[in-house]
C-alpha cells in the first residue's frame, strides 16, 4: 500500500500521465501544481473558482461536469444513480474553509495530507489525477511519505 501511494503521488507530477488519464491540462503551465497556502483560506465557491481559473484548471471542471450521466443497470436503484468523472484534487495542510467552499464544484475534492490515500490519488486504479498541492502540504510530503519503501 505504501508503494502504491508513493507511485500515485509521483504520477501527479507528470503532465503526460495526467493528460493520458483524461484530464484537460492544456492550460496548466507547471507540473506538479503547487500553490500558495492562502488558497486554504478561501471561504466562497466563487473565490475557489477564480483561483482555479487562474491556474488553468477550470476546463477540467467543465469536463467533469459534462460527464455526468445516469448509470446503466441496477445500481441506479441502489443509491448510485449518477456517474461522473473526477476532477482536480486539492491537497491542503489544514482546512481554513476551502473544503466547504469547493464542495459545490463538480468533481473537485479537497483532502488534507493526513487523509491522503490511493483511492483519492488514483481513482479507479488509474494513476495520474490532476492534483493541486498547497506549498505547506508539498513541503511536508517528503517527511510523511519519503524514505525507503
Protein backbone atom coordinates (compact mmCIF):
# COMPACT_ATOMS: atom_id res chain seq x y z
CA UNK A 1 0.00 0.00 0.00
CA UNK A 2 2.87 2.38 0.75
CA UNK A 3 4.40 1.69 -2.65
CA UNK A 4 1.05 2.26 -4.37
CA UNK A 5 0.59 5.53 -2.51
CA UNK A 6 4.07 6.75 -3.41
CA UNK A 7 3.58 5.76 -7.05
CA UNK A 8 0.27 7.62 -7.17
CA UNK A 9 1.91 10.71 -5.66
CA UNK A 10 4.73 10.52 -8.20
CA UNK A 11 2.25 10.23 -11.07
CA UNK A 12 0.66 13.57 -10.13
CA UNK A 13 3.89 15.31 -11.14
CA UNK A 14 3.90 14.17 -14.77
CA UNK A 15 1.85 16.13 -17.30
CA UNK A 16 1.82 13.22 -19.75
CA UNK A 17 0.40 10.74 -17.22
CA UNK A 18 -2.23 13.23 -16.06
CA UNK A 19 -3.24 14.01 -19.65
CA UNK A 20 -3.40 10.30 -20.56
CA UNK A 21 -5.81 9.76 -17.68
CA UNK A 22 -8.20 12.16 -19.41
CA UNK A 23 -7.77 15.43 -17.55
CA UNK A 24 -7.85 18.69 -19.51
CA UNK A 25 -4.38 20.10 -18.80
CA UNK A 26 -3.66 22.18 -21.89
CA UNK A 27 -3.80 25.46 -19.95
CA UNK A 28 -1.82 24.26 -16.90
CA UNK A 29 1.70 25.69 -17.02
CA UNK A 30 3.70 23.80 -14.38
CA UNK A 31 3.68 20.27 -13.03
CA UNK A 32 3.34 19.44 -10.19
CA UNK A 33 0.86 22.24 -9.48
CA UNK A 34 1.93 23.90 -6.23
CA UNK A 35 0.08 26.98 -4.98
CA UNK A 36 0.48 29.35 -2.03
CA UNK A 37 -1.06 28.48 1.32
CA UNK A 38 -3.55 31.35 1.02
CA UNK A 39 -5.81 29.09 -1.06
CA UNK A 40 -6.69 27.27 2.19
CA UNK A 41 -8.35 30.46 3.49
CA UNK A 42 -10.90 30.78 0.67
CA UNK A 43 -14.43 30.74 2.03
CA UNK A 44 -16.64 31.12 -1.07
CA UNK A 45 -17.09 28.88 -4.09
CA UNK A 46 -16.67 31.84 -6.43
CA UNK A 47 -13.25 32.58 -4.90
CA UNK A 48 -12.15 28.96 -5.39
CA UNK A 49 -13.44 29.05 -8.97
CA UNK A 50 -11.45 32.22 -9.69
CA UNK A 51 -8.30 30.66 -8.21
CA UNK A 52 -8.72 27.53 -10.31
CA UNK A 53 -9.30 29.68 -13.39
CA UNK A 54 -6.02 31.46 -12.76
CA UNK A 55 -4.29 28.07 -12.55
CA UNK A 56 -5.85 26.95 -15.85
CA UNK A 57 -7.79 24.06 -14.32
CA UNK A 58 -11.35 25.28 -14.94
CA UNK A 59 -11.63 23.40 -18.24
CA UNK A 60 -11.13 20.14 -16.31
CA UNK A 61 -14.01 21.06 -14.01
CA UNK A 62 -16.25 21.63 -17.03
CA UNK A 63 -15.11 18.26 -18.42
CA UNK A 64 -16.16 16.64 -15.17
CA UNK A 65 -19.49 18.46 -15.12
CA UNK A 66 -20.31 17.44 -18.70
CA UNK A 67 -19.57 13.78 -17.97
CA UNK A 68 -22.46 13.42 -15.51
CA UNK A 69 -24.70 10.60 -16.75
CA UNK A 70 -27.26 8.13 -15.42
CA UNK A 71 -25.66 4.80 -14.53
CA UNK A 72 -26.70 1.73 -16.51
CA UNK A 73 -28.07 -1.32 -14.71
CA UNK A 74 -29.47 -1.95 -11.26
CA UNK A 75 -27.02 0.32 -9.48
CA UNK A 76 -29.26 3.29 -10.13
CA UNK A 77 -31.96 1.68 -7.96
CA UNK A 78 -29.46 1.13 -5.18
CA UNK A 79 -28.50 4.71 -4.48
CA UNK A 80 -25.80 5.07 -7.15
CA UNK A 81 -27.87 6.70 -9.89
CA UNK A 82 -25.31 9.10 -11.35
CA UNK A 83 -21.80 8.56 -12.69
CA UNK A 84 -19.36 11.44 -13.02
CA UNK A 85 -15.70 11.79 -13.92
CA UNK A 86 -13.37 13.05 -11.20
CA UNK A 87 -11.86 16.49 -11.45
CA UNK A 88 -8.91 18.06 -9.65
CA UNK A 89 -7.87 17.10 -6.14
CA UNK A 90 -6.71 19.89 -3.82
CA UNK A 91 -4.29 18.67 -1.13
CA UNK A 92 -4.07 21.03 1.85
CA UNK A 93 -2.19 21.10 5.12
CA UNK A 94 -5.05 22.48 7.22
CA UNK A 95 -8.61 23.40 6.38
CA UNK A 96 -9.49 27.05 6.90
CA UNK A 97 -12.68 26.96 4.83
CA UNK A 98 -11.72 25.67 1.40
CA UNK A 99 -13.37 22.27 1.90
CA UNK A 100 -16.80 23.85 2.30
CA UNK A 101 -16.15 26.34 -0.50
CA UNK A 102 -15.08 23.71 -3.03
CA UNK A 103 -17.78 21.13 -2.36
CA UNK A 104 -20.16 22.73 -4.89
CA UNK A 105 -17.68 22.47 -7.75
CA UNK A 106 -18.34 19.26 -9.69
CA UNK A 107 -15.58 16.68 -9.45
CA UNK A 108 -13.36 18.73 -7.12
CA UNK A 109 -12.20 17.01 -3.95
CA UNK A 110 -10.28 18.54 -1.05
CA UNK A 111 -8.14 16.35 1.20
CA UNK A 112 -5.64 17.10 3.91
CA UNK A 113 -2.22 15.49 3.76
CA UNK A 114 -3.12 13.22 6.69
CA UNK A 115 -6.16 11.73 4.95
CA UNK A 116 -4.47 11.24 1.58
CA UNK A 117 -4.96 7.74 0.16
CA UNK A 118 -4.57 5.78 -3.06
CA UNK A 119 -8.27 5.96 -3.93
CA UNK A 120 -8.14 9.77 -3.94
CA UNK A 121 -4.91 9.96 -5.96
CA UNK A 122 -5.68 7.11 -8.38
CA UNK A 123 -9.47 6.68 -8.61
CA UNK A 124 -10.48 3.56 -10.45
CA UNK A 125 -6.88 2.28 -10.07
CA UNK A 126 -5.67 4.67 -12.79
CA UNK A 127 -2.83 6.90 -11.51
CA UNK A 128 -2.34 10.48 -12.58
CA UNK A 129 -5.18 12.51 -11.09
CA UNK A 130 -4.80 16.25 -11.56
CA UNK A 131 -3.63 17.33 -8.10
CA UNK A 132 -3.12 20.83 -6.74
CA UNK A 133 -0.76 20.91 -3.76
CA UNK A 134 -0.50 23.76 -1.28
CA UNK A 135 3.05 24.81 -0.50
CA UNK A 136 2.97 23.62 3.11
CA UNK A 137 1.49 20.24 2.15
CA UNK A 138 4.11 19.80 -0.57
CA UNK A 139 6.94 20.56 1.89
CA UNK A 140 5.59 18.04 4.42
CA UNK A 141 5.18 15.40 1.72
CA UNK A 142 8.77 14.17 1.90
CA UNK A 143 8.72 13.96 5.68
CA UNK A 144 5.48 11.98 5.65
CA UNK A 145 5.99 9.65 2.65
CA UNK A 146 9.74 9.86 1.99
CA UNK A 147 12.28 7.22 2.81
CA UNK A 148 12.51 3.62 1.70
CA UNK A 149 9.54 1.62 0.52
